Amino acid sequence: MHDPAMLTAVLDSMKDPVVFVDTGHIVRYMNKTAIEHYDDGAALIGRSLLDCHNEQSCRDIVEIMAAMEQGEEERLITDSEKHRIFMRAVRDADGRLIGYYERYEPPRQA
């Protein structure tokens, strides 16, 4: 059973931001934490993620997505004392890339 309200409730329960972006780099979904975390909040939905990043970050995002189109599933994009952030592919039932999201982890322990 596909229940969008239940999926939204699950994603809104997460303590880390979840921003889903389609293959055109358009923000399609933000969970409650992401809306509260980012300055423009829900106003980012429907806008290009590339408009929110500097030139180098945009080049990185485009390059990672191209690798995902070739089969890569995930790549570490930030590794700091605060957290590790991965860019993660989202695929449809046939394995076609439909977008991506950032996945957060706590920092690695020494």
PDB file of N, CA and C in Angstrom:
ATOM      1  N   MET A   1       0.847  -1.186   0.000  1.00  0.00           N
ATOM      2  CA  MET A   1       0.000   0.000   0.000  1.00  0.00           C
ATOM      3  C   MET A   1       0.885   1.239   0.000  1.00  0.00           C
ATOM      4  N   HIS A   2       0.611   2.168  -0.882  1.00  0.00           N
ATOM      5  CA  HIS A   2       1.369   3.414  -0.994  1.00  0.00           C
ATOM      6  C   HIS A   2       0.581   4.506  -0.269  1.00  0.00           C
ATOM      7  N   ASP A   3       1.114   4.996   0.841  1.00  0.00           N
ATOM      8  CA  ASP A   3       0.433   6.021   1.627  1.00  0.00           C
ATOM      9  C   ASP A   3       1.360   7.222   1.770  1.00  0.00           C
ATOM     10  N   PRO A   4       1.191   8.266   0.941  1.00  0.00           N
ATOM     11  CA  PRO A   4       2.071   9.428   1.006  1.00  0.00           C
ATOM     12  C   PRO A   4       2.085  10.102   2.375  1.00  0.00           C
ATOM     13  N   ALA A   5       0.957  10.120   3.083  1.00  0.00           N
ATOM     14  CA  ALA A   5       0.913  10.753   4.404  1.00  0.00           C
ATOM     15  C   ALA A   5       1.798   9.993   5.398  1.00  0.00           C
ATOM     16  N   MET A   6       1.791   8.662   5.299  1.00  0.00           N
ATOM     17  CA  MET A   6       2.628   7.869   6.194  1.00  0.00           C
ATOM     18  C   MET A   6       4.108   8.091   5.865  1.00  0.00           C
ATOM     19  N   LEU A   7       4.455   8.123   4.585  1.00  0.00           N
ATOM     20  CA  LEU A   7       5.837   8.373   4.192  1.00  0.00           C
ATOM     21  C   LEU A   7       6.292   9.748   4.679  1.00  0.00           C
ATOM     22  N   THR A   8       5.458  10.760   4.517  1.00  0.00           N
ATOM     23  CA  THR A   8       5.788  12.100   5.008  1.00  0.00           C
ATOM     24  C   THR A   8       5.988  12.086   6.512  1.00  0.00           C
ATOM     25  N   ALA A   9       5.126  11.381   7.253  1.00  0.00           N
ATOM     26  CA  ALA A   9       5.259  11.303   8.707  1.00  0.00           C
ATOM     27  C   ALA A   9       6.585  10.650   9.104  1.00  0.00           C
ATOM     28  N   VAL A  10       6.973   9.601   8.401  1.00  0.00           N
ATOM     29  CA  VAL A  10       8.250   8.932   8.682  1.00  0.00           C
ATOM     30  C   VAL A  10       9.405   9.895   8.431  1.00  0.00           C
ATOM     31  N   LEU A  11       9.416  10.554   7.280  1.00  0.00           N
ATOM     32  CA  LEU A  11      10.503  11.469   6.950  1.00  0.00           C
ATOM     33  C   LEU A  11      10.530  12.673   7.891  1.00  0.00           C
ATOM     34  N   ASP A  12       9.355  13.168   8.300  1.00  0.00           N
ATOM     35  CA  ASP A  12       9.301  14.296   9.229  1.00  0.00           C
ATOM     36  C   ASP A  12       9.762  13.918  10.631  1.00  0.00           C
ATOM     37  N   SER A  13       9.774  12.637  10.948  1.00  0.00           N
ATOM     38  CA  SER A  13      10.241  12.205  12.269  1.00  0.00           C
ATOM     39  C   SER A  13      11.771  12.172  12.358  1.00  0.00           C
ATOM     40  N   MET A  14      12.450  12.282  11.220  1.00  0.00           N
ATOM     41  CA  MET A  14      13.913  12.213  11.208  1.00  0.00           C
ATOM     42  C   MET A  14      14.502  13.509  11.739  1.00  0.00           C
ATOM     43  N   LYS A  15      15.570  13.385  12.534  1.00  0.00           N
ATOM     44  CA  LYS A  15      16.208  14.555  13.133  1.00  0.00           C
ATOM     45  C   LYS A  15      17.142  15.274  12.169  1.00  0.00           C
ATOM     46  N   ASP A  16      17.540  14.617  11.097  1.00  0.00           N
ATOM     47  CA  ASP A  16      18.415  15.230  10.105  1.00  0.00           C
ATOM     48  C   ASP A  16      17.592  15.745   8.926  1.00  0.00           C
ATOM     49  N   PRO A  17      18.084  16.807   8.265  1.00  0.00           N
ATOM     50  CA  PRO A  17      17.372  17.320   7.097  1.00  0.00           C
ATOM     51  C   PRO A  17      17.347  16.289   5.972  1.00  0.00           C
ATOM     52  N   VAL A  18      16.218  16.216   5.277  1.00  0.00           N
ATOM     53  CA  VAL A  18      16.085  15.391   4.082  1.00  0.00           C
ATOM     54  C   VAL A  18      15.561  16.302   2.976  1.00  0.00           C
ATOM     55  N   VAL A  19      16.365  16.437   1.925  1.00  0.00           N
ATOM     56  CA  VAL A  19      15.976  17.232   0.762  1.00  0.00           C
ATOM     57  C   VAL A  19      16.126  16.319  -0.453  1.00  0.00           C
ATOM     58  N   PHE A  20      15.007  16.039  -1.119  1.00  0.00           N
ATOM     59  CA  PHE A  20      15.038  15.228  -2.331  1.00  0.00           C
ATOM     60  C   PHE A  20      15.044  16.155  -3.534  1.00  0.00           C
ATOM     61  N   VAL A  21      15.960  15.881  -4.467  1.00  0.00           N
ATOM     62  CA  VAL A  21      16.148  16.699  -5.663  1.00  0.00           C
ATOM     63  C   VAL A  21      16.035  15.782  -6.881  1.00  0.00           C
ATOM     64  N   ASP A  22      15.308  16.224  -7.916  1.00  0.00           N
ATOM     65  CA  ASP A  22      15.160  15.385  -9.111  1.00  0.00           C
ATOM     66  C   ASP A  22      16.380  15.513 -10.019  1.00  0.00           C
ATOM     67  N   THR A  23      16.365  14.813 -11.141  1.00  0.00           N
ATOM     68  CA  THR A  23      17.530  14.801 -12.030  1.00  0.00           C
ATOM     69  C   THR A  23      17.736  16.120 -12.768  1.00  0.00           C
ATOM     70  N   GLY A  24      16.777  17.024 -12.674  1.00  0.00           N
ATOM     71  CA  GLY A  24      16.944  18.379 -13.202  1.00  0.00           C
ATOM     72  C   GLY A  24      17.442  19.340 -12.139  1.00  0.00           C
ATOM     73  N   HIS A  25      17.807  18.787 -10.970  1.00  0.00           N
ATOM     74  CA  HIS A  25      18.322  19.526  -9.807  1.00  0.00           C
ATOM     75  C   HIS A  25      17.258  20.423  -9.165  1.00  0.00           C
ATOM     76  N   ILE A  26      15.980  20.080  -9.356  1.00  0.00           N
ATOM     77  CA  ILE A  26      14.893  20.839  -8.748  1.00  0.00           C
ATOM     78  C   ILE A  26      14.527  20.186  -7.413  1.00  0.00           C
ATOM     79  N   VAL A  27      14.456  20.995  -6.359  1.00  0.00           N
ATOM     80  CA  VAL A  27      14.062  20.512  -5.031  1.00  0.00           C
ATOM     81  C   VAL A  27      12.590  20.124  -5.101  1.00  0.00           C
ATOM     82  N   ARG A  28      12.309  18.854  -4.846  1.00  0.00           N
ATOM     83  CA  ARG A  28      10.939  18.337  -4.926  1.00  0.00           C
ATOM     84  C   ARG A  28      10.321  18.061  -3.567  1.00  0.00           C
ATOM     85  N   TYR A  29      11.168  17.834  -2.552  1.00  0.00           N
ATOM     86  CA  TYR A  29      10.643  17.512  -1.217  1.00  0.00           C
ATOM     87  C   TYR A  29      11.645  17.927  -0.155  1.00  0.00           C
ATOM     88  N   MET A  30      11.139  18.443   0.947  1.00  0.00           N
ATOM     89  CA  MET A  30      11.959  18.728   2.139  1.00  0.00           C
ATOM     90  C   MET A  30      11.175  18.241   3.355  1.00  0.00           C
ATOM     91  N   ASN A  31      11.859  17.510   4.251  1.00  0.00           N
ATOM     92  CA  ASN A  31      11.166  17.137   5.478  1.00  0.00           C
ATOM     93  C   ASN A  31      11.117  18.350   6.414  1.00  0.00           C
ATOM     94  N   LYS A  32      10.386  18.213   7.517  1.00  0.00           N
ATOM     95  CA  LYS A  32      10.194  19.318   8.451  1.00  0.00           C
ATOM     96  C   LYS A  32      11.529  19.853   8.971  1.00  0.00           C
ATOM     97  N   THR A  33      12.471  18.967   9.274  1.00  0.00           N
ATOM     98  CA  THR A  33      13.782  19.395   9.772  1.00  0.00           C
ATOM     99  C   THR A  33      14.513  20.234   8.733  1.00  0.00           C
ATOM    100  N   ALA A  34      14.454  19.845   7.468  1.00  0.00           N
ATOM    101  CA  ALA A  34      15.115  20.606   6.402  1.00  0.00           C
ATOM    102  C   ALA A  34      14.472  21.976   6.241  1.00  0.00           C
ATOM    103  N   ILE A  35      13.164  22.035   6.289  1.00  0.00           N
ATOM    104  CA  ILE A  35      12.467  23.319   6.160  1.00  0.00           C
ATOM    105  C   ILE A  35      12.902  24.267   7.270  1.00  0.00           C
ATOM    106  N   GLU A  36      13.063  23.739   8.479  1.00  0.00           N
ATOM    107  CA  GLU A  36      13.501  24.571   9.610  1.00  0.00           C
ATOM    108  C   GLU A  36      14.989  24.890   9.532  1.00  0.00           C
ATOM    109  N   HIS A  37      15.788  24.011   8.934  1.00  0.00           N
ATOM    110  CA  HIS A  37      17.247  24.149   8.900  1.00  0.00           C
ATOM    111  C   HIS A  37      17.723  25.196   7.893  1.00  0.00           C
ATOM    112  N   TYR A  38      17.126  25.217   6.708  1.00  0.00           N
ATOM    113  CA  TYR A  38      17.591  26.101   5.646  1.00  0.00           C
ATOM    114  C   TYR A  38      16.877  27.450   5.707  1.00  0.00           C
ATOM    115  N   ASP A  39      17.629  28.515   5.451  1.00  0.00           N
ATOM    116  CA  ASP A  39      17.114  29.879   5.585  1.00  0.00           C
ATOM    117  C   ASP A  39      15.812  30.114   4.837  1.00  0.00           C
ATOM    118  N   ASP A  40      15.723  29.681   3.604  1.00  0.00           N
ATOM    119  CA  ASP A  40      14.521  29.940   2.809  1.00  0.00           C
ATOM    120  C   ASP A  40      13.436  28.895   3.003  1.00  0.00           C
ATOM    121  N   GLY A  41      13.732  27.872   3.819  1.00  0.00           N
ATOM    122  CA  GLY A  41      12.741  26.861   4.155  1.00  0.00           C
ATOM    123  C   GLY A  41      11.977  26.315   2.972  1.00  0.00           C
ATOM    124  N   ALA A  42      10.665  26.219   3.135  1.00  0.00           N
ATOM    125  CA  ALA A  42       9.798  25.613   2.122  1.00  0.00           C
ATOM    126  C   ALA A  42       9.839  26.368   0.797  1.00  0.00           C
ATOM    127  N   ALA A  43      10.301  27.612   0.790  1.00  0.00           N
ATOM    128  CA  ALA A  43      10.392  28.378  -0.460  1.00  0.00           C
ATOM    129  C   ALA A  43      11.396  27.763  -1.428  1.00  0.00           C
ATOM    130  N   LEU A  44      12.253  26.861  -0.940  1.00  0.00           N
ATOM    131  CA  LEU A  44      13.227  26.194  -1.811  1.00  0.00           C
ATOM    132  C   LEU A  44      12.577  25.127  -2.684  1.00  0.00           C
ATOM    133  N   ILE A  45      11.429  24.620  -2.256  1.00  0.00           N
ATOM    134  CA  ILE A  45      10.744  23.577  -3.027  1.00  0.00           C
ATOM    135  C   ILE A  45      10.319  24.163  -4.372  1.00  0.00           C
ATOM    136  N   GLY A  46      10.701  23.458  -5.448  1.00  0.00           N
ATOM    137  CA  GLY A  46      10.406  23.911  -6.794  1.00  0.00           C
ATOM    138  C   GLY A  46      11.517  24.735  -7.415  1.00  0.00           C
ATOM    139  N   ARG A  47      12.550  25.044  -6.630  1.00  0.00           N
ATOM    140  CA  ARG A  47      13.685  25.826  -7.134  1.00  0.00           C
ATOM    141  C   ARG A  47      14.868  24.900  -7.414  1.00  0.00           C
ATOM    142  N   SER A  48      15.798  25.389  -8.216  1.00  0.00           N
ATOM    143  CA  SER A  48      16.998  24.617  -8.537  1.00  0.00           C
ATOM    144  C   SER A  48      17.953  24.605  -7.349  1.00  0.00           C
ATOM    145  N   LEU A  49      18.424  23.431  -7.004  1.00  0.00           N
ATOM    146  CA  LEU A  49      19.428  23.307  -5.952  1.00  0.00           C
ATOM    147  C   LEU A  49      20.705  24.039  -6.362  1.00  0.00           C
ATOM    148  N   LEU A  50      20.959  24.109  -7.647  1.00  0.00           N
ATOM    149  CA  LEU A  50      22.175  24.756  -8.136  1.00  0.00           C
ATOM    150  C   LEU A  50      22.159  26.264  -7.884  1.00  0.00           C
ATOM    151  N   ASP A  51      20.978  26.841  -7.693  1.00  0.00           N
ATOM    152  CA  ASP A  51      20.881  28.266  -7.364  1.00  0.00           C
ATOM    153  C   ASP A  51      21.287  28.547  -5.924  1.00  0.00           C
ATOM    154  N   CYS A  52      21.397  27.489  -5.121  1.00  0.00           N
ATOM    155  CA  CYS A  52      21.687  27.644  -3.683  1.00  0.00           C
ATOM    156  C   CYS A  52      23.150  27.356  -3.345  1.00  0.00           C
ATOM    157  N   HIS A  53      23.979  27.084  -4.349  1.00  0.00           N
ATOM    158  CA  HIS A  53      25.366  26.684  -4.102  1.00  0.00           C
ATOM    159  C   HIS A  53      26.334  27.519  -4.929  1.00  0.00           C
ATOM    160  N   ASN A  54      27.587  27.536  -4.455  1.00  0.00           N
ATOM    161  CA  ASN A  54      28.630  28.248  -5.200  1.00  0.00           C
ATOM    162  C   ASN A  54      29.032  27.433  -6.431  1.00  0.00           C
ATOM    163  N   GLU A  55      29.863  28.059  -7.289  1.00  0.00           N
ATOM    164  CA  GLU A  55      30.243  27.416  -8.558  1.00  0.00           C
ATOM    165  C   GLU A  55      30.891  26.052  -8.366  1.00  0.00           C
ATOM    166  N   GLN A  56      31.833  25.947  -7.426  1.00  0.00           N
ATOM    167  CA  GLN A  56      32.525  24.677  -7.204  1.00  0.00           C
ATOM    168  C   GLN A  56      31.553  23.598  -6.736  1.00  0.00           C
ATOM    169  N   SER A  57      30.679  23.942  -5.801  1.00  0.00           N
ATOM    170  CA  SER A  57      29.689  22.968  -5.323  1.00  0.00           C
ATOM    171  C   SER A  57      28.770  22.531  -6.453  1.00  0.00           C
ATOM    172  N   CYS A  58      28.370  23.466  -7.315  1.00  0.00           N
ATOM    173  CA  CYS A  58      27.518  23.118  -8.466  1.00  0.00           C
ATOM    174  C   CYS A  58      28.230  22.144  -9.388  1.00  0.00           C
ATOM    175  N   ARG A  59      29.511  22.398  -9.666  1.00  0.00           N
ATOM    176  CA  ARG A  59      30.271  21.470 -10.516  1.00  0.00           C
ATOM    177  C   ARG A  59      30.329  20.090  -9.865  1.00  0.00           C
ATOM    178  N   ASP A  60      30.557  20.053  -8.545  1.00  0.00           N
ATOM    179  CA  ASP A  60      30.617  18.773  -7.828  1.00  0.00           C
ATOM    180  C   ASP A  60      29.288  18.031  -7.913  1.00  0.00           C
ATOM    181  N   ILE A  61      28.189  18.743  -7.686  1.00  0.00           N
ATOM    182  CA  ILE A  61      26.859  18.121  -7.725  1.00  0.00           C
ATOM    183  C   ILE A  61      26.579  17.530  -9.107  1.00  0.00           C
ATOM    184  N   VAL A  62      26.863  18.304 -10.147  1.00  0.00           N
ATOM    185  CA  VAL A  62      26.633  17.830 -11.523  1.00  0.00           C
ATOM    186  C   VAL A  62      27.504  16.617 -11.821  1.00  0.00           C
ATOM    187  N   GLU A  63      28.771  16.657 -11.396  1.00  0.00           N
ATOM    188  CA  GLU A  63      29.692  15.533 -11.638  1.00  0.00           C
ATOM    189  C   GLU A  63      29.245  14.274 -10.885  1.00  0.00           C
ATOM    190  N   ILE A  64      28.810  14.428  -9.645  1.00  0.00           N
ATOM    191  CA  ILE A  64      28.357  13.268  -8.869  1.00  0.00           C
ATOM    192  C   ILE A  64      27.094  12.684  -9.483  1.00  0.00           C
ATOM    193  N   MET A  65      26.165  13.544  -9.897  1.00  0.00           N
ATOM    194  CA  MET A  65      24.953  13.023 -10.515  1.00  0.00           C
ATOM    195  C   MET A  65      25.265  12.272 -11.806  1.00  0.00           C
ATOM    196  N   ALA A  66      26.235  12.759 -12.587  1.00  0.00           N
ATOM    197  CA  ALA A  66      26.637  12.043 -13.804  1.00  0.00           C
ATOM    198  C   ALA A  66      27.170  10.658 -13.446  1.00  0.00           C
ATOM    199  N   ALA A  67      27.943  10.560 -12.364  1.00  0.00           N
ATOM    200  CA  ALA A  67      28.444   9.258 -11.915  1.00  0.00           C
ATOM    201  C   ALA A  67      27.288   8.367 -11.456  1.00  0.00           C
ATOM    202  N   MET A  68      26.280   8.967 -10.830  1.00  0.00           N
ATOM    203  CA  MET A  68      25.105   8.198 -10.402  1.00  0.00           C
ATOM    204  C   MET A  68      24.330   7.679 -11.603  1.00  0.00           C
ATOM    205  N   GLU A  69      24.277   8.454 -12.669  1.00  0.00           N
ATOM    206  CA  GLU A  69      23.615   7.985 -13.888  1.00  0.00           C
ATOM    207  C   GLU A  69      24.337   6.771 -14.457  1.00  0.00           C
ATOM    208  N   GLN A  70      25.622   6.628 -14.145  1.00  0.00           N
ATOM    209  CA  GLN A  70      26.425   5.485 -14.601  1.00  0.00           C
ATOM    210  C   GLN A  70      26.432   4.342 -13.581  1.00  0.00           C
ATOM    211  N   GLY A  71      25.690   4.502 -12.465  1.00  0.00           N
ATOM    212  CA  GLY A  71      25.558   3.403 -11.513  1.00  0.00           C
ATOM    213  C   GLY A  71      26.050   3.672 -10.103  1.00  0.00           C
ATOM    214  N   GLU A  72      26.780   4.741  -9.880  1.00  0.00           N
ATOM    215  CA  GLU A  72      27.228   5.031  -8.514  1.00  0.00           C
ATOM    216  C   GLU A  72      26.005   5.262  -7.632  1.00  0.00           C
ATOM    217  N   GLU A  73      26.058   4.746  -6.406  1.00  0.00           N
ATOM    218  CA  GLU A  73      24.917   4.854  -5.501  1.00  0.00           C
ATOM    219  C   GLU A  73      25.072   5.973  -4.476  1.00  0.00           C
ATOM    220  N   GLU A  74      26.313   6.224  -4.057  1.00  0.00           N
ATOM    221  CA  GLU A  74      26.498   7.179  -2.970  1.00  0.00           C
ATOM    222  C   GLU A  74      27.930   7.691  -2.973  1.00  0.00           C
ATOM    223  N   ARG A  75      28.086   8.963  -2.572  1.00  0.00           N
ATOM    224  CA  ARG A  75      29.428   9.524  -2.461  1.00  0.00           C
ATOM    225  C   ARG A  75      29.487  10.454  -1.255  1.00  0.00           C
ATOM    226  N   LEU A  76      30.589  10.344  -0.514  1.00  0.00           N
ATOM    227  CA  LEU A  76      30.848  11.244   0.603  1.00  0.00           C
ATOM    228  C   LEU A  76      31.149  12.630   0.040  1.00  0.00           C
ATOM    229  N   ILE A  77      30.429  13.659   0.516  1.00  0.00           N
ATOM    230  CA  ILE A  77      30.672  15.012   0.022  1.00  0.00           C
ATOM    231  C   ILE A  77      31.166  15.963   1.109  1.00  0.00           C
ATOM    232  N   THR A  78      30.957  15.622   2.381  1.00  0.00           N
ATOM    233  CA  THR A  78      31.451  16.432   3.504  1.00  0.00           C
ATOM    234  C   THR A  78      31.875  15.498   4.621  1.00  0.00           C
ATOM    235  N   ASP A  79      33.050  15.739   5.155  1.00  0.00           N
ATOM    236  CA  ASP A  79      33.546  14.945   6.282  1.00  0.00           C
ATOM    237  C   ASP A  79      34.154  15.923   7.275  1.00  0.00           C
ATOM    238  N   SER A  80      33.361  16.331   8.253  1.00  0.00           N
ATOM    239  CA  SER A  80      33.808  17.328   9.224  1.00  0.00           C
ATOM    240  C   SER A  80      33.647  16.794  10.640  1.00  0.00           C
ATOM    241  N   GLU A  81      34.074  17.592  11.599  1.00  0.00           N
ATOM    242  CA  GLU A  81      33.911  17.205  13.003  1.00  0.00           C
ATOM    243  C   GLU A  81      32.436  17.160  13.386  1.00  0.00           C
ATOM    244  N   LYS A  82      31.615  17.942  12.691  1.00  0.00           N
ATOM    245  CA  LYS A  82      30.185  18.027  12.998  1.00  0.00           C
ATOM    246  C   LYS A  82      29.402  16.838  12.446  1.00  0.00           C
ATOM    247  N   HIS A  83      29.683  16.456  11.194  1.00  0.00           N
ATOM    248  CA  HIS A  83      28.957  15.353  10.563  1.00  0.00           C
ATOM    249  C   HIS A  83      29.604  14.973   9.235  1.00  0.00           C
ATOM    250  N   ARG A  84      29.182  13.829   8.750  1.00  0.00           N
ATOM    251  CA  ARG A  84      29.550  13.376   7.410  1.00  0.00           C
ATOM    252  C   ARG A  84      28.285  13.448   6.573  1.00  0.00           C
ATOM    253  N   ILE A  85      28.418  13.967   5.342  1.00  0.00           N
ATOM    254  CA  ILE A  85      27.259  14.076   4.456  1.00  0.00           C
ATOM    255  C   ILE A  85      27.568  13.323   3.170  1.00  0.00           C
ATOM    256  N   PHE A  86      26.613  12.499   2.770  1.00  0.00           N
ATOM    257  CA  PHE A  86      26.719  11.717   1.542  1.00  0.00           C
ATOM    258  C   PHE A  86      25.636  12.165   0.579  1.00  0.00           C
ATOM    259  N   MET A  87      25.936  12.163  -0.698  1.00  0.00           N
ATOM    260  CA  MET A  87      24.928  12.361  -1.738  1.00  0.00           C
ATOM    261  C   MET A  87      24.511  10.955  -2.169  1.00  0.00           C
ATOM    262  N   ARG A  88      23.221  10.656  -2.078  1.00  0.00           N
ATOM    263  CA  ARG A  88      22.694   9.302  -2.285  1.00  0.00           C
ATOM    264  C   ARG A  88      21.721   9.265  -3.458  1.00  0.00           C
ATOM    265  N   ALA A  89      21.915   8.324  -4.369  1.00  0.00           N
ATOM    266  CA  ALA A  89      21.037   8.150  -5.529  1.00  0.00           C
ATOM    267  C   ALA A  89      19.675   7.602  -5.099  1.00  0.00           C
ATOM    268  N   VAL A  90      18.636   8.031  -5.808  1.00  0.00           N
ATOM    269  CA  VAL A  90      17.288   7.477  -5.670  1.00  0.00           C
ATOM    270  C   VAL A  90      16.893   6.955  -7.045  1.00  0.00           C
ATOM    271  N   ARG A  91      16.503   5.689  -7.084  1.00  0.00           N
ATOM    272  CA  ARG A  91      16.161   5.035  -8.352  1.00  0.00           C
ATOM    273  C   ARG A  91      14.733   4.522  -8.317  1.00  0.00           C
ATOM    274  N   ASP A  92      14.115   4.462  -9.498  1.00  0.00           N
ATOM    275  CA  ASP A  92      12.769   3.904  -9.579  1.00  0.00           C
ATOM    276  C   ASP A  92      12.846   2.375  -9.574  1.00  0.00           C
ATOM    277  N   ALA A  93      11.698   1.717  -9.697  1.00  0.00           N
ATOM    278  CA  ALA A  93      11.643   0.255  -9.630  1.00  0.00           C
ATOM    279  C   ALA A  93      12.442  -0.413 -10.743  1.00  0.00           C
ATOM    280  N   ASP A  94      12.695   0.305 -11.833  1.00  0.00           N
ATOM    281  CA  ASP A  94      13.472  -0.242 -12.945  1.00  0.00           C
ATOM    282  C   ASP A  94      14.954   0.115 -12.861  1.00  0.00           C
ATOM    283  N   GLY A  95      15.348   0.778 -11.783  1.00  0.00           N
ATOM    284  CA  GLY A  95      16.753   1.121 -11.585  1.00  0.00           C
ATOM    285  C   GLY A  95      17.191   2.428 -12.223  1.00  0.00           C
ATOM    286  N   ARG A  96      16.249   3.167 -12.816  1.00  0.00           N
ATOM    287  CA  ARG A  96      16.589   4.460 -13.422  1.00  0.00           C
ATOM    288  C   ARG A  96      16.723   5.528 -12.344  1.00  0.00           C
ATOM    289  N   LEU A  97      17.744   6.363 -12.475  1.00  0.00           N
ATOM    290  CA  LEU A  97      17.952   7.459 -11.533  1.00  0.00           C
ATOM    291  C   LEU A  97      16.809   8.458 -11.668  1.00  0.00           C
ATOM    292  N   ILE A  98      16.166   8.766 -10.536  1.00  0.00           N
ATOM    293  CA  ILE A  98      15.096   9.765 -10.546  1.00  0.00           C
ATOM    294  C   ILE A  98      15.461  10.986  -9.713  1.00  0.00           C
ATOM    295  N   GLY A  99      16.590  10.914  -9.006  1.00  0.00           N
ATOM    296  CA  GLY A  99      17.030  12.046  -8.199  1.00  0.00           C
ATOM    297  C   GLY A  99      18.052  11.624  -7.161  1.00  0.00           C
ATOM    298  N   TYR A 100      18.206  12.483  -6.170  1.00  0.00           N
ATOM    299  CA  TYR A 100      19.194  12.227  -5.120  1.00  0.00           C
ATOM    300  C   TYR A 100      18.815  12.993  -3.859  1.00  0.00           C
ATOM    301  N   TYR A 101      19.456  12.621  -2.766  1.00  0.00           N
ATOM    302  CA  TYR A 101      19.285  13.344  -1.511  1.00  0.00           C
ATOM    303  C   TYR A 101      20.590  13.303  -0.734  1.00  0.00           C
ATOM    304  N   GLU A 102      20.700  14.182   0.260  1.00  0.00           N
ATOM    305  CA  GLU A 102      21.859  14.159   1.151  1.00  0.00           C
ATOM    306  C   GLU A 102      21.529  13.310   2.363  1.00  0.00           C
ATOM    307  N   ARG A 103      22.470  12.435   2.726  1.00  0.00           N
ATOM    308  CA  ARG A 103      22.327  11.557   3.889  1.00  0.00           C
ATOM    309  C   ARG A 103      23.375  11.962   4.922  1.00  0.00           C
ATOM    310  N   TYR A 104      22.944  12.185   6.141  1.00  0.00           N
ATOM    311  CA  TYR A 104      23.828  12.627   7.223  1.00  0.00           C
ATOM    312  C   TYR A 104      24.226  11.462   8.113  1.00  0.00           C
ATOM    313  N   GLU A 105      25.452  11.523   8.625  1.00  0.00           N
ATOM    314  CA  GLU A 105      25.959  10.585   9.636  1.00  0.00           C
ATOM    315  C   GLU A 105      26.728  11.368  10.675  1.00  0.00           C
ATOM    316  N   PRO A 106      26.791  10.867  11.888  1.00  0.00           N
ATOM    317  CA  PRO A 106      27.676  11.511  12.859  1.00  0.00           C
ATOM    318  C   PRO A 106      29.122  11.350  12.417  1.00  0.00           C
ATOM    319  N   PRO A 107      30.041  12.189  12.926  1.00  0.00           N
ATOM    320  CA  PRO A 107      31.448  12.051  12.528  1.00  0.00           C
ATOM    321  C   PRO A 107      32.025  10.713  12.969  1.00  0.00           C
ATOM    322  N   ARG A 108      33.051  10.279  12.240  1.00  0.00           N
ATOM    323  CA  ARG A 108      33.729   9.033  12.618  1.00  0.00           C
ATOM    324  C   ARG A 108      34.467   9.241  13.930  1.00  0.00           C
ATOM    325  N   GLN A 109      34.436   8.229  14.744  1.00  0.00           N
ATOM    326  CA  GLN A 109      35.151   8.270  16.024  1.00  0.00           C
ATOM    327  C   GLN A 109      36.581   7.780  15.813  1.00  0.00           C
ATOM    328  N   ALA A 110      37.534   8.452  16.431  1.00  0.00           N
ATOM    329  CA  ALA A 110      38.944   8.073  16.284  1.00  0.00           C
ATOM    330  C   ALA A 110      39.285   6.848  17.096  1.00  0.00           C
TER     331      ALA A 110
END
